[in-house]
Protein backbone atom coordinates (compact mmCIF):
# COMPACT_ATOMS: atom_id res chain seq x y z
CA MET A 1 15.98 -94.93 103.92
CA SER A 2 15.67 -91.69 101.98
CA ASP A 3 16.64 -88.27 103.23
CA VAL A 4 14.01 -85.87 104.49
CA LYS A 5 14.87 -82.20 104.81
CA ILE A 6 12.96 -79.75 107.01
CA LEU A 7 13.52 -76.07 106.28
CA VAL A 8 12.32 -73.47 108.80
CA LYS A 9 11.22 -70.56 106.59
CA PRO A 10 11.74 -67.14 108.19
CA ASN A 11 8.33 -65.85 109.32
CA GLY A 12 6.68 -68.74 107.49
CA PRO A 13 6.03 -72.47 107.38
CA LEU A 14 8.11 -75.57 107.83
CA LEU A 15 8.96 -76.96 104.39
CA VAL A 16 9.39 -80.72 104.48
CA SER A 17 10.97 -82.30 101.40
CA GLY A 18 11.71 -85.91 100.54
CA ASP A 19 9.90 -89.23 100.68
CA ILE A 20 7.06 -88.00 102.92
CA SER A 21 4.50 -90.17 104.64
CA LEU A 22 2.02 -88.23 106.77
CA VAL A 23 -0.57 -89.96 108.96
CA ASP A 24 -3.17 -88.71 111.43
CA GLY A 25 -3.65 -89.84 115.02
CA THR A 26 -5.41 -93.02 113.89
CA GLU A 27 -2.58 -93.89 111.45
CA LYS A 28 -4.74 -92.98 108.42
CA ALA A 29 -2.56 -91.56 105.63
CA PHE A 30 -3.08 -88.08 104.23
CA GLY A 31 -3.35 -88.00 100.45
CA LEU A 32 -0.46 -85.79 99.37
CA GLY A 33 -1.17 -85.89 95.64
CA GLY A 34 2.34 -87.03 94.73
CA ARG A 35 3.97 -83.98 96.34
CA THR A 36 7.58 -84.29 97.47
CA THR A 37 7.54 -80.96 99.34
CA ILE A 38 4.86 -80.00 101.87
CA ALA A 39 4.50 -76.70 103.78
CA PHE A 40 3.34 -77.14 107.38
CA CYS A 41 1.71 -74.29 109.31
CA ARG A 42 3.83 -72.79 112.07
CA CYS A 43 1.65 -69.79 112.98
CA GLY A 44 -1.38 -71.84 114.07
CA GLN A 45 -3.80 -69.78 111.98
CA SER A 46 -4.12 -71.86 108.80
CA ALA A 47 -7.64 -72.86 107.79
CA ASN A 48 -6.14 -76.06 106.36
CA LYS A 49 -4.06 -77.38 109.28
CA PRO A 50 -1.62 -79.00 109.41
CA PHE A 51 -0.81 -77.46 106.03
CA CYS A 52 0.19 -73.84 105.44
CA ASP A 53 -2.29 -71.70 103.52
CA GLY A 54 -0.34 -68.41 103.65
CA THR A 55 -2.28 -66.95 106.58
CA HIS A 56 1.01 -66.19 108.37
CA ASN A 57 1.38 -63.23 105.98
CA LYS A 58 -2.03 -61.81 106.95
CA VAL A 59 -1.58 -62.20 110.71
CA GLY A 60 1.98 -60.84 110.84
CA PHE A 61 3.55 -64.06 112.16
CA GLN A 62 7.21 -63.52 113.00
CA SER A 63 9.71 -66.21 113.90
CA ASP A 64 13.20 -66.66 112.49
CA PRO A 65 14.99 -68.97 114.91
CA PRO A 66 18.69 -69.59 114.27
CA ALA A 67 19.96 -73.17 114.19
CA CYS A 68 21.10 -74.42 117.58
CA ASP A 69 22.07 -77.63 119.32
CA LEU A 70 19.63 -79.34 121.65
CA PRO A 71 21.00 -80.44 125.01
CA PRO A 72 21.49 -84.18 125.48
CA ARG A 73 18.40 -86.14 126.43
CA ALA A 74 17.85 -86.65 130.11
CA PRO A 75 18.33 -90.27 131.14
CA LYS A 76 15.13 -92.25 131.64
CA PRO A 77 14.47 -93.10 135.30
């Protein structure tokens, strides 16, 4: 299993790097053109979702969350 890294860019996209396989809701693969780094939209305004097209700069998207720990998962009933 190869490592995948997800970088939360301040005021920008999620950059996913590594051996990426991206599929839609029907399990059809996206053609990534051999890319090993993909930028995913975080602002919700991209014309090319789920990919970032830089629109976050035009709409003034701001989000720079610091790293934190998630609480433990709740037990399943």
